[in-house]
Amino acid sequence: MEALKQSNPGTVVVWKHKALVDGVYNSNLEVFEQVFWAFDPCVEGFKHCMSVICIDGTHLYGKYKGTLLVATSVDANFQVFPLAFALVEGENISSWSWLLGCIRVHVTQRDDLCVISDRHAGIIAAMNDPNVGFTEPRAYHRFCVRHLASNLKTHVRRNDMRDMFKAATYQRQERKLVVDMSLIGQACTKAIQYGICTTNFSKTFNNVLKGARFLPIMSLVELTFHRVNKYFPNRRELSQARSEQGLAYPPKVTSIMEKNIAKARYHKVEAYNRRLHIYQVETG
């Protein structure tokens, strides 16, 4: 770890040791308990990302057990952005509180963050602990739509329910949400009564770390560095190429703007108070 910090200035590494092993205290013995790390380009890059942090955990296999906790964000092109990592003994209140606390101290002090996760009890408790630094209004906790939709399909056992649920969750107008939820209720009463269950958050970034769960700790950390490093040259080259072409926005944003402009052609806007930004909009 020290070699990693020396070769990559700005890298944050936080160790945590314990002296109590199998119920026996030894003041002269330091046993590894958990470690947090975040690379400087990720910390700096997050300043330009959306105010979103997705957290997830995945179990390690092989000789070295434990759980790898991963925090990611979303960049301007709506792509996953690696943020921070932690290796802990397991998913619990202590480990999730420690990860989020390290993020708050060493990665970002931004307010109005949205933290997306599954419904793990340890995450919920950590988010509600004011000492961790992610209570409202500094941060808001929400659950993953894709994860909930998959759970819905499992419990309701109807293939169309997941798509209907996802469509409803992405609505931006309350009246449209009410209509969608009504349609879901008419199609399947059980879907409306469905309770959210605890499973894992979507494994998007974990696919990037495929094969890493069998490695020793140092090899695992080095692999995260090399895998994360691939993100930056590729995206930097794409950004520079678009800038040279006179394109101000990334591909995803450009696509969204073009669709909105096309849709706006069929809208009628009547101004009531420009100073207060009050308008009436009729959709086509």
C-alpha atoms as a PDB file:
ATOM      1  CA  MET A   1       0.000   0.000   0.000  1.00  0.00           C
ATOM      2  CA  GLU A   2       2.807   2.405   0.835  1.00  0.00           C
ATOM      3  CA  ALA A   3       4.403   1.668  -2.544  1.00  0.00           C
ATOM      4  CA  LEU A   4       1.081   2.417  -4.207  1.00  0.00           C
ATOM      5  CA  LYS A   5       0.819   5.780  -2.450  1.00  0.00           C
ATOM      6  CA  GLN A   6       4.386   6.715  -3.349  1.00  0.00           C
ATOM      7  CA  SER A   7       3.965   5.819  -7.024  1.00  0.00           C
ATOM      8  CA  ASN A   8       0.556   7.516  -7.222  1.00  0.00           C
ATOM      9  CA  PRO A   9       0.650  10.808  -5.297  1.00  0.00           C
ATOM     10  CA  GLY A  10      -2.741  11.838  -3.985  1.00  0.00           C
ATOM     11  CA  THR A  11      -3.988   8.298  -3.474  1.00  0.00           C
ATOM     12  CA  VAL A  12      -5.886   7.996  -0.190  1.00  0.00           C
ATOM     13  CA  VAL A  13      -5.297   4.858   1.872  1.00  0.00           C
ATOM     14  CA  VAL A  14      -6.801   4.376   5.341  1.00  0.00           C
ATOM     15  CA  TRP A  15      -5.866   1.278   7.357  1.00  0.00           C
ATOM     16  CA  LYS A  16      -7.711  -0.104  10.343  1.00  0.00           C
ATOM     17  CA  HIS A  17      -6.140  -2.725  12.614  1.00  0.00           C
ATOM     18  CA  LYS A  18      -7.378  -4.648  15.638  1.00  0.00           C
ATOM     19  CA  ALA A  19      -5.583  -6.071  18.663  1.00  0.00           C
ATOM     20  CA  LEU A  20      -8.409  -8.347  19.798  1.00  0.00           C
ATOM     21  CA  VAL A  21      -8.235 -11.683  17.967  1.00  0.00           C
ATOM     22  CA  ASP A  22     -10.506 -14.605  18.811  1.00  0.00           C
ATOM     23  CA  GLY A  23     -11.406 -12.898  22.072  1.00  0.00           C
ATOM     24  CA  VAL A  24      -7.748 -12.504  23.149  1.00  0.00           C
ATOM     25  CA  TYR A  25      -6.213  -9.025  23.545  1.00  0.00           C
ATOM     26  CA  ASN A  26      -2.571  -8.527  22.597  1.00  0.00           C
ATOM     27  CA  SER A  27      -1.203  -4.981  22.710  1.00  0.00           C
ATOM     28  CA  ASN A  28       1.865  -5.994  20.689  1.00  0.00           C
ATOM     29  CA  LEU A  29      -0.142  -7.541  17.869  1.00  0.00           C
ATOM     30  CA  GLU A  30      -1.679  -5.634  14.972  1.00  0.00           C
ATOM     31  CA  VAL A  31      -4.013  -7.687  12.806  1.00  0.00           C
ATOM     32  CA  PHE A  32      -5.419  -6.278   9.583  1.00  0.00           C
ATOM     33  CA  GLU A  33      -9.140  -5.543   9.866  1.00  0.00           C
ATOM     34  CA  GLN A  34     -10.103  -3.333   6.920  1.00  0.00           C
ATOM     35  CA  VAL A  35      -8.712  -0.832   4.438  1.00  0.00           C
ATOM     36  CA  PHE A  36     -10.163   2.034   2.387  1.00  0.00           C
ATOM     37  CA  TRP A  37      -8.589   3.467  -0.754  1.00  0.00           C
ATOM     38  CA  ALA A  38      -9.459   6.092  -3.372  1.00  0.00           C
ATOM     39  CA  PHE A  39      -7.317   7.245  -6.292  1.00  0.00           C
ATOM     40  CA  ASP A  40      -6.674  10.960  -6.784  1.00  0.00           C
ATOM     41  CA  PRO A  41      -8.116  11.168 -10.352  1.00  0.00           C
ATOM     42  CA  CYS A  42     -11.339   9.662  -9.010  1.00  0.00           C
ATOM     43  CA  VAL A  43     -11.521  12.160  -6.153  1.00  0.00           C
ATOM     44  CA  GLU A  44     -10.825  15.100  -8.463  1.00  0.00           C
ATOM     45  CA  GLY A  45     -13.098  13.785 -11.209  1.00  0.00           C
ATOM     46  CA  PHE A  46     -16.039  13.414  -8.852  1.00  0.00           C
ATOM     47  CA  LYS A  47     -16.141  17.205  -8.532  1.00  0.00           C
ATOM     48  CA  HIS A  48     -17.464  17.224 -12.114  1.00  0.00           C
ATOM     49  CA  CYS A  49     -19.811  14.243 -11.790  1.00  0.00           C
ATOM     50  CA  MET A  50     -23.473  14.104 -10.877  1.00  0.00           C
ATOM     51  CA  SER A  51     -24.308  14.367  -7.179  1.00  0.00           C
ATOM     52  CA  VAL A  52     -24.925  10.627  -7.036  1.00  0.00           C
ATOM     53  CA  ILE A  53     -23.060   7.868  -5.189  1.00  0.00           C
ATOM     54  CA  CYS A  54     -23.950   4.202  -5.694  1.00  0.00           C
ATOM     55  CA  ILE A  55     -22.644   1.752  -3.096  1.00  0.00           C
ATOM     56  CA  ASP A  56     -22.498  -2.021  -3.287  1.00  0.00           C
ATOM     57  CA  GLY A  57     -20.714  -4.964  -1.711  1.00  0.00           C
ATOM     58  CA  THR A  58     -19.393  -8.213  -3.175  1.00  0.00           C
ATOM     59  CA  HIS A  59     -17.943 -11.214  -1.342  1.00  0.00           C
ATOM     60  CA  LEU A  60     -14.359 -12.386  -1.875  1.00  0.00           C
ATOM     61  CA  TYR A  61     -13.558 -16.027  -2.555  1.00  0.00           C
ATOM     62  CA  GLY A  62     -10.494 -18.234  -2.429  1.00  0.00           C
ATOM     63  CA  LYS A  63      -7.984 -18.205   0.419  1.00  0.00           C
ATOM     64  CA  TYR A  64      -8.609 -14.604   1.457  1.00  0.00           C
ATOM     65  CA  LYS A  65     -12.169 -13.976   2.652  1.00  0.00           C
ATOM     66  CA  GLY A  66     -13.952 -10.716   3.254  1.00  0.00           C
ATOM     67  CA  THR A  67     -16.154  -8.260   1.377  1.00  0.00           C
ATOM     68  CA  LEU A  68     -15.195  -5.641  -1.192  1.00  0.00           C
ATOM     69  CA  LEU A  69     -17.269  -2.470  -0.870  1.00  0.00           C
ATOM     70  CA  VAL A  70     -17.397  -0.279  -3.961  1.00  0.00           C
ATOM     71  CA  ALA A  71     -18.618   3.303  -4.364  1.00  0.00           C
ATOM     72  CA  THR A  72     -19.294   4.661  -7.849  1.00  0.00           C
ATOM     73  CA  SER A  73     -20.838   7.771  -9.345  1.00  0.00           C
ATOM     74  CA  VAL A  74     -22.177   8.867 -12.749  1.00  0.00           C
ATOM     75  CA  ASP A  75     -20.246  11.095 -15.159  1.00  0.00           C
ATOM     76  CA  ALA A  76     -21.604  13.683 -17.609  1.00  0.00           C
ATOM     77  CA  ASN A  77     -22.168  10.988 -20.237  1.00  0.00           C
ATOM     78  CA  PHE A  78     -24.280   8.914 -17.828  1.00  0.00           C
ATOM     79  CA  GLN A  79     -21.531   6.298 -17.498  1.00  0.00           C
ATOM     80  CA  VAL A  80     -20.361   4.642 -14.290  1.00  0.00           C
ATOM     81  CA  PHE A  81     -17.531   6.541 -12.571  1.00  0.00           C
ATOM     82  CA  PRO A  82     -15.325   4.636 -10.051  1.00  0.00           C
ATOM     83  CA  LEU A  83     -15.000   6.525  -6.796  1.00  0.00           C
ATOM     84  CA  ALA A  84     -13.687   4.540  -3.812  1.00  0.00           C
ATOM     85  CA  PHE A  85     -13.113   1.039  -2.446  1.00  0.00           C
ATOM     86  CA  ALA A  86     -12.935  -0.694   0.914  1.00  0.00           C
ATOM     87  CA  LEU A  87     -12.019  -4.208   1.975  1.00  0.00           C
ATOM     88  CA  VAL A  88     -13.839  -5.283   5.142  1.00  0.00           C
ATOM     89  CA  GLU A  89     -14.686  -8.464   7.016  1.00  0.00           C
ATOM     90  CA  GLY A  90     -18.364  -8.340   6.055  1.00  0.00           C
ATOM     91  CA  GLU A  91     -21.403  -6.173   5.400  1.00  0.00           C
ATOM     92  CA  ASN A  92     -22.661  -4.705   8.671  1.00  0.00           C
ATOM     93  CA  ILE A  93     -23.413  -1.362  10.288  1.00  0.00           C
ATOM     94  CA  SER A  94     -19.780  -0.845  11.298  1.00  0.00           C
ATOM     95  CA  SER A  95     -18.281  -1.514   7.870  1.00  0.00           C
ATOM     96  CA  TRP A  96     -20.814   0.569   5.938  1.00  0.00           C
ATOM     97  CA  SER A  97     -20.493   3.426   8.431  1.00  0.00           C
ATOM     98  CA  TRP A  98     -16.719   3.279   8.064  1.00  0.00           C
ATOM     99  CA  LEU A  99     -16.871   3.353   4.239  1.00  0.00           C
ATOM    100  CA  LEU A 100     -19.285   6.275   4.150  1.00  0.00           C
ATOM    101  CA  GLY A 101     -17.329   8.102   6.844  1.00  0.00           C
ATOM    102  CA  CYS A 102     -14.090   7.717   4.858  1.00  0.00           C
ATOM    103  CA  ILE A 103     -15.839   9.003   1.738  1.00  0.00           C
ATOM    104  CA  ARG A 104     -17.092  12.033   3.625  1.00  0.00           C
ATOM    105  CA  VAL A 105     -13.657  12.808   5.076  1.00  0.00           C
ATOM    106  CA  HIS A 106     -11.312  11.894   2.204  1.00  0.00           C
ATOM    107  CA  VAL A 107     -13.370  12.114  -0.993  1.00  0.00           C
ATOM    108  CA  THR A 108     -16.091  14.766  -0.880  1.00  0.00           C
ATOM    109  CA  GLN A 109     -17.755  17.326   1.355  1.00  0.00           C
ATOM    110  CA  ARG A 110     -20.527  18.011  -1.168  1.00  0.00           C
ATOM    111  CA  ASP A 111     -24.043  18.403   0.164  1.00  0.00           C
ATOM    112  CA  ASP A 112     -27.327  17.329  -1.462  1.00  0.00           C
ATOM    113  CA  LEU A 113     -25.857  13.982  -2.485  1.00  0.00           C
ATOM    114  CA  CYS A 114     -28.120  11.108  -3.493  1.00  0.00           C
ATOM    115  CA  VAL A 115     -26.874   7.727  -2.246  1.00  0.00           C
ATOM    116  CA  ILE A 116     -28.328   4.721  -4.090  1.00  0.00           C
ATOM    117  CA  SER A 117     -28.115   1.210  -2.663  1.00  0.00           C
ATOM    118  CA  ASP A 118     -30.028  -1.932  -1.825  1.00  0.00           C
ATOM    119  CA  ARG A 119     -31.980  -2.224   1.433  1.00  0.00           C
ATOM    120  CA  HIS A 120     -29.181  -3.742   3.509  1.00  0.00           C
ATOM    121  CA  ALA A 121     -29.843  -2.980   7.188  1.00  0.00           C
ATOM    122  CA  GLY A 122     -26.234  -1.851   7.691  1.00  0.00           C
ATOM    123  CA  ILE A 123     -26.508   0.756   4.934  1.00  0.00           C
ATOM    124  CA  ILE A 124     -29.827   2.084   6.223  1.00  0.00           C
ATOM    125  CA  ALA A 125     -28.422   2.417   9.747  1.00  0.00           C
ATOM    126  CA  ALA A 126     -25.239   4.121   8.509  1.00  0.00           C
ATOM    127  CA  MET A 127     -27.211   6.602   6.401  1.00  0.00           C
ATOM    128  CA  ASN A 128     -29.339   7.496   9.435  1.00  0.00           C
ATOM    129  CA  ASP A 129     -26.336   8.023  11.726  1.00  0.00           C
ATOM    130  CA  PRO A 130     -25.571  11.782  11.951  1.00  0.00           C
ATOM    131  CA  ASN A 131     -21.962  11.010  12.912  1.00  0.00           C
ATOM    132  CA  VAL A 132     -21.339   9.401   9.515  1.00  0.00           C
ATOM    133  CA  GLY A 133     -22.194  12.595   7.618  1.00  0.00           C
ATOM    134  CA  PHE A 134     -24.885  11.419   5.195  1.00  0.00           C
ATOM    135  CA  THR A 135     -28.131  12.382   6.947  1.00  0.00           C
ATOM    136  CA  GLU A 136     -30.583  14.765   5.288  1.00  0.00           C
ATOM    137  CA  PRO A 137     -30.176  17.426   3.981  1.00  0.00           C
ATOM    138  CA  ARG A 138     -26.502  16.632   3.375  1.00  0.00           C
ATOM    139  CA  ALA A 139     -27.504  13.457   1.550  1.00  0.00           C
ATOM    140  CA  TYR A 140     -30.635  11.549   0.572  1.00  0.00           C
ATOM    141  CA  HIS A 141     -30.922   7.764   0.535  1.00  0.00           C
ATOM    142  CA  ARG A 142     -32.797   6.043  -2.302  1.00  0.00           C
ATOM    143  CA  PHE A 143     -33.112   2.421  -3.463  1.00  0.00           C
ATOM    144  CA  CYS A 144     -32.108   1.082  -6.878  1.00  0.00           C
ATOM    145  CA  VAL A 145     -35.006   0.930  -9.361  1.00  0.00           C
ATOM    146  CA  ARG A 146     -33.528  -1.925 -11.368  1.00  0.00           C
ATOM    147  CA  HIS A 147     -33.008  -3.919  -8.197  1.00  0.00           C
ATOM    148  CA  LEU A 148     -36.584  -3.297  -7.020  1.00  0.00           C
ATOM    149  CA  ALA A 149     -38.006  -4.157 -10.440  1.00  0.00           C
ATOM    150  CA  SER A 150     -36.132  -7.456 -10.488  1.00  0.00           C
ATOM    151  CA  ASN A 151     -37.422  -8.214  -6.998  1.00  0.00           C
ATOM    152  CA  LEU A 152     -40.946  -7.395  -8.123  1.00  0.00           C
ATOM    153  CA  LYS A 153     -40.699  -9.884 -10.980  1.00  0.00           C
ATOM    154  CA  THR A 154     -39.482 -12.576  -8.568  1.00  0.00           C
ATOM    155  CA  HIS A 155     -42.341 -12.129  -6.110  1.00  0.00           C
ATOM    156  CA  VAL A 156     -45.202 -11.327  -8.487  1.00  0.00           C
ATOM    157  CA  ARG A 157     -44.014 -13.773 -11.189  1.00  0.00           C
ATOM    158  CA  ARG A 158     -45.246 -11.749 -14.138  1.00  0.00           C
ATOM    159  CA  ASN A 159     -42.771 -10.732 -16.826  1.00  0.00           C
ATOM    160  CA  ASP A 160     -44.623  -7.532 -17.734  1.00  0.00           C
ATOM    161  CA  MET A 161     -44.710  -6.214 -14.155  1.00  0.00           C
ATOM    162  CA  ARG A 162     -41.027  -5.290 -14.075  1.00  0.00           C
ATOM    163  CA  ASP A 163     -41.253  -3.170 -17.227  1.00  0.00           C
ATOM    164  CA  MET A 164     -44.445  -1.470 -16.041  1.00  0.00           C
ATOM    165  CA  PHE A 165     -42.867  -0.713 -12.672  1.00  0.00           C
ATOM    166  CA  LYS A 166     -39.687   0.722 -14.225  1.00  0.00           C
ATOM    167  CA  ALA A 167     -41.750   2.919 -16.560  1.00  0.00           C
ATOM    168  CA  ALA A 168     -43.664   4.285 -13.569  1.00  0.00           C
ATOM    169  CA  THR A 169     -40.542   5.036 -11.534  1.00  0.00           C
ATOM    170  CA  TYR A 170     -39.032   7.121 -14.333  1.00  0.00           C
ATOM    171  CA  GLN A 171     -42.073   9.377 -14.675  1.00  0.00           C
ATOM    172  CA  ARG A 172     -41.418  13.039 -13.905  1.00  0.00           C
ATOM    173  CA  GLN A 173     -45.028  14.169 -13.689  1.00  0.00           C
ATOM    174  CA  GLU A 174     -47.211  13.124 -10.763  1.00  0.00           C
ATOM    175  CA  ARG A 175     -50.340  12.675 -12.873  1.00  0.00           C
ATOM    176  CA  LYS A 176     -48.528  10.274 -15.203  1.00  0.00           C
ATOM    177  CA  LEU A 177     -47.135   8.350 -12.219  1.00  0.00           C
ATOM    178  CA  VAL A 178     -50.651   7.987 -10.785  1.00  0.00           C
ATOM    179  CA  VAL A 179     -51.915   6.654 -14.124  1.00  0.00           C
ATOM    180  CA  ASP A 180     -49.062   4.145 -14.402  1.00  0.00           C
ATOM    181  CA  MET A 181     -49.533   2.887 -10.836  1.00  0.00           C
ATOM    182  CA  SER A 182     -53.267   2.557 -11.471  1.00  0.00           C
ATOM    183  CA  LEU A 183     -52.595   0.431 -14.545  1.00  0.00           C
ATOM    184  CA  ILE A 184     -50.224  -1.760 -12.535  1.00  0.00           C
ATOM    185  CA  GLY A 185     -52.866  -2.181  -9.838  1.00  0.00           C
ATOM    186  CA  GLN A 186     -55.502  -3.114 -12.406  1.00  0.00           C
ATOM    187  CA  ALA A 187     -53.186  -5.648 -14.025  1.00  0.00           C
ATOM    188  CA  CYS A 188     -52.052  -7.242 -10.767  1.00  0.00           C
ATOM    189  CA  THR A 189     -53.274  -6.320  -7.275  1.00  0.00           C
ATOM    190  CA  LYS A 190     -50.345  -8.164  -5.693  1.00  0.00           C
ATOM    191  CA  ALA A 191     -47.879  -5.785  -7.403  1.00  0.00           C
ATOM    192  CA  ILE A 192     -49.360  -2.782  -5.554  1.00  0.00           C
ATOM    193  CA  GLN A 193     -49.200  -4.640  -2.241  1.00  0.00           C
ATOM    194  CA  TYR A 194     -45.646  -5.829  -2.899  1.00  0.00           C
ATOM    195  CA  GLY A 195     -43.106  -5.163  -0.145  1.00  0.00           C
ATOM    196  CA  ILE A 196     -39.477  -4.320  -0.944  1.00  0.00           C
ATOM    197  CA  CYS A 197     -37.077  -7.147  -0.080  1.00  0.00           C
ATOM    198  CA  THR A 198     -33.343  -7.040   0.621  1.00  0.00           C
ATOM    199  CA  THR A 199     -31.070  -8.256  -2.165  1.00  0.00           C
ATOM    200  CA  ASN A 200     -27.914  -6.972  -3.809  1.00  0.00           C
ATOM    201  CA  PHE A 201     -27.601  -3.759  -5.754  1.00  0.00           C
ATOM    202  CA  SER A 202     -26.960  -4.011  -9.515  1.00  0.00           C
ATOM    203  CA  LYS A 203     -23.456  -5.299 -10.221  1.00  0.00           C
ATOM    204  CA  THR A 204     -22.469  -2.852 -12.961  1.00  0.00           C
ATOM    205  CA  PHE A 205     -18.987  -1.941 -11.765  1.00  0.00           C
ATOM    206  CA  ASN A 206     -18.341  -5.345 -10.208  1.00  0.00           C
ATOM    207  CA  ASN A 207     -18.190  -6.726 -13.754  1.00  0.00           C
ATOM    208  CA  VAL A 208     -15.137  -4.524 -14.291  1.00  0.00           C
ATOM    209  CA  LEU A 209     -13.477  -6.303 -11.357  1.00  0.00           C
ATOM    210  CA  LYS A 210     -14.250  -9.754 -12.696  1.00  0.00           C
ATOM    211  CA  GLY A 211     -11.676 -12.233 -11.383  1.00  0.00           C
ATOM    212  CA  ALA A 212     -10.492  -9.907  -8.618  1.00  0.00           C
ATOM    213  CA  ARG A 213     -12.428 -11.664  -5.856  1.00  0.00           C
ATOM    214  CA  PHE A 214      -9.938 -14.555  -5.775  1.00  0.00           C
ATOM    215  CA  LEU A 215      -6.821 -12.392  -5.347  1.00  0.00           C
ATOM    216  CA  PRO A 216      -4.707 -11.534  -2.265  1.00  0.00           C
ATOM    217  CA  ILE A 217      -5.276  -8.060  -0.846  1.00  0.00           C
ATOM    218  CA  MET A 218      -2.336  -6.287  -2.490  1.00  0.00           C
ATOM    219  CA  SER A 219      -3.058  -7.878  -5.868  1.00  0.00           C
ATOM    220  CA  LEU A 220      -6.702  -6.877  -5.531  1.00  0.00           C
ATOM    221  CA  VAL A 221      -5.794  -3.253  -4.832  1.00  0.00           C
ATOM    222  CA  GLU A 222      -3.346  -3.167  -7.749  1.00  0.00           C
ATOM    223  CA  LEU A 223      -5.989  -4.613 -10.052  1.00  0.00           C
ATOM    224  CA  THR A 224      -8.475  -1.895  -9.087  1.00  0.00           C
ATOM    225  CA  PHE A 225      -5.821   0.679  -9.988  1.00  0.00           C
ATOM    226  CA  HIS A 226      -5.183  -0.766 -13.457  1.00  0.00           C
ATOM    227  CA  ARG A 227      -8.874  -1.331 -14.194  1.00  0.00           C
ATOM    228  CA  VAL A 228      -9.813   2.166 -13.040  1.00  0.00           C
ATOM    229  CA  ASN A 229      -6.927   3.680 -15.008  1.00  0.00           C
ATOM    230  CA  LYS A 230      -8.448   2.363 -18.247  1.00  0.00           C
ATOM    231  CA  TYR A 231     -11.448   4.613 -17.728  1.00  0.00           C
ATOM    232  CA  PHE A 232      -9.545   7.869 -17.899  1.00  0.00           C
ATOM    233  CA  PRO A 233      -7.454   7.649 -21.132  1.00  0.00           C
ATOM    234  CA  ASN A 234     -10.449   6.355 -23.125  1.00  0.00           C
ATOM    235  CA  ARG A 235     -12.820   9.026 -21.893  1.00  0.00           C
ATOM    236  CA  ARG A 236     -10.198  11.760 -22.171  1.00  0.00           C
ATOM    237  CA  GLU A 237      -9.584  10.895 -25.827  1.00  0.00           C
ATOM    238  CA  LEU A 238     -13.317  10.854 -26.555  1.00  0.00           C
ATOM    239  CA  SER A 239     -13.782  14.211 -24.854  1.00  0.00           C
ATOM    240  CA  GLN A 240     -10.872  15.798 -26.718  1.00  0.00           C
ATOM    241  CA  ALA A 241     -12.111  14.445 -30.054  1.00  0.00           C
ATOM    242  CA  ARG A 242     -15.594  15.887 -29.521  1.00  0.00           C
ATOM    243  CA  SER A 243     -14.138  19.203 -28.387  1.00  0.00           C
ATOM    244  CA  GLU A 244     -12.041  19.427 -31.553  1.00  0.00           C
ATOM    245  CA  GLN A 245     -15.207  18.817 -33.571  1.00  0.00           C
ATOM    246  CA  GLY A 246     -16.873  21.752 -31.834  1.00  0.00           C
ATOM    247  CA  LEU A 247     -19.273  19.530 -29.874  1.00  0.00           C
ATOM    248  CA  ALA A 248     -19.907  21.041 -26.452  1.00  0.00           C
ATOM    249  CA  TYR A 249     -21.644  18.109 -24.762  1.00  0.00           C
ATOM    250  CA  PRO A 250     -21.044  14.357 -24.408  1.00  0.00           C
ATOM    251  CA  PRO A 251     -22.995  11.934 -26.662  1.00  0.00           C
ATOM    252  CA  LYS A 252     -25.687  10.994 -24.120  1.00  0.00           C
ATOM    253  CA  VAL A 253     -26.453  14.607 -23.218  1.00  0.00           C
ATOM    254  CA  THR A 254     -26.557  15.588 -26.895  1.00  0.00           C
ATOM    255  CA  SER A 255     -29.011  12.777 -27.588  1.00  0.00           C
ATOM    256  CA  ILE A 256     -31.286  13.838 -24.732  1.00  0.00           C
ATOM    257  CA  MET A 257     -31.252  17.484 -25.851  1.00  0.00           C
ATOM    258  CA  GLU A 258     -32.103  16.542 -29.447  1.00  0.00           C
ATOM    259  CA  LYS A 259     -35.051  14.414 -28.309  1.00  0.00           C
ATOM    260  CA  ASN A 260     -36.310  17.180 -26.022  1.00  0.00           C
ATOM    261  CA  ILE A 261     -36.024  19.794 -28.782  1.00  0.00           C
ATOM    262  CA  ALA A 262     -37.962  17.553 -31.157  1.00  0.00           C
ATOM    263  CA  LYS A 263     -40.642  16.960 -28.514  1.00  0.00           C
ATOM    264  CA  ALA A 264     -40.847  20.671 -27.630  1.00  0.00           C
ATOM    265  CA  ARG A 265     -41.947  21.527 -31.166  1.00  0.00           C
ATOM    266  CA  TYR A 266     -45.374  20.159 -30.296  1.00  0.00           C
ATOM    267  CA  HIS A 267     -45.663  22.112 -27.030  1.00  0.00           C
ATOM    268  CA  LYS A 268     -47.387  25.439 -26.590  1.00  0.00           C
ATOM    269  CA  VAL A 269     -45.995  27.793 -23.940  1.00  0.00           C
ATOM    270  CA  GLU A 270     -47.907  30.771 -22.573  1.00  0.00           C
ATOM    271  CA  ALA A 271     -46.106  33.141 -20.189  1.00  0.00           C
ATOM    272  CA  TYR A 272     -47.916  34.392 -17.064  1.00  0.00           C
ATOM    273  CA  ASN A 273     -45.018  35.924 -15.144  1.00  0.00           C
ATOM    274  CA  ARG A 274     -41.545  35.816 -16.659  1.00  0.00           C
ATOM    275  CA  ARG A 275     -39.921  37.326 -13.567  1.00  0.00           C
ATOM    276  CA  LEU A 276     -41.302  34.525 -11.364  1.00  0.00           C
ATOM    277  CA  HIS A 277     -40.871  31.956 -14.146  1.00  0.00           C
ATOM    278  CA  ILE A 278     -44.571  31.048 -14.225  1.00  0.00           C
ATOM    279  CA  TYR A 279     -45.778  29.532 -17.489  1.00  0.00           C
ATOM    280  CA  GLN A 280     -48.540  27.334 -18.781  1.00  0.00           C
ATOM    281  CA  VAL A 281     -47.391  24.494 -21.015  1.00  0.00           C
ATOM    282  CA  GLU A 282     -49.723  22.538 -23.262  1.00  0.00           C
ATOM    283  CA  THR A 283     -48.285  19.303 -24.591  1.00  0.00           C
ATOM    284  CA  GLY A 284     -49.071  18.097 -28.091  1.00  0.00           C
END
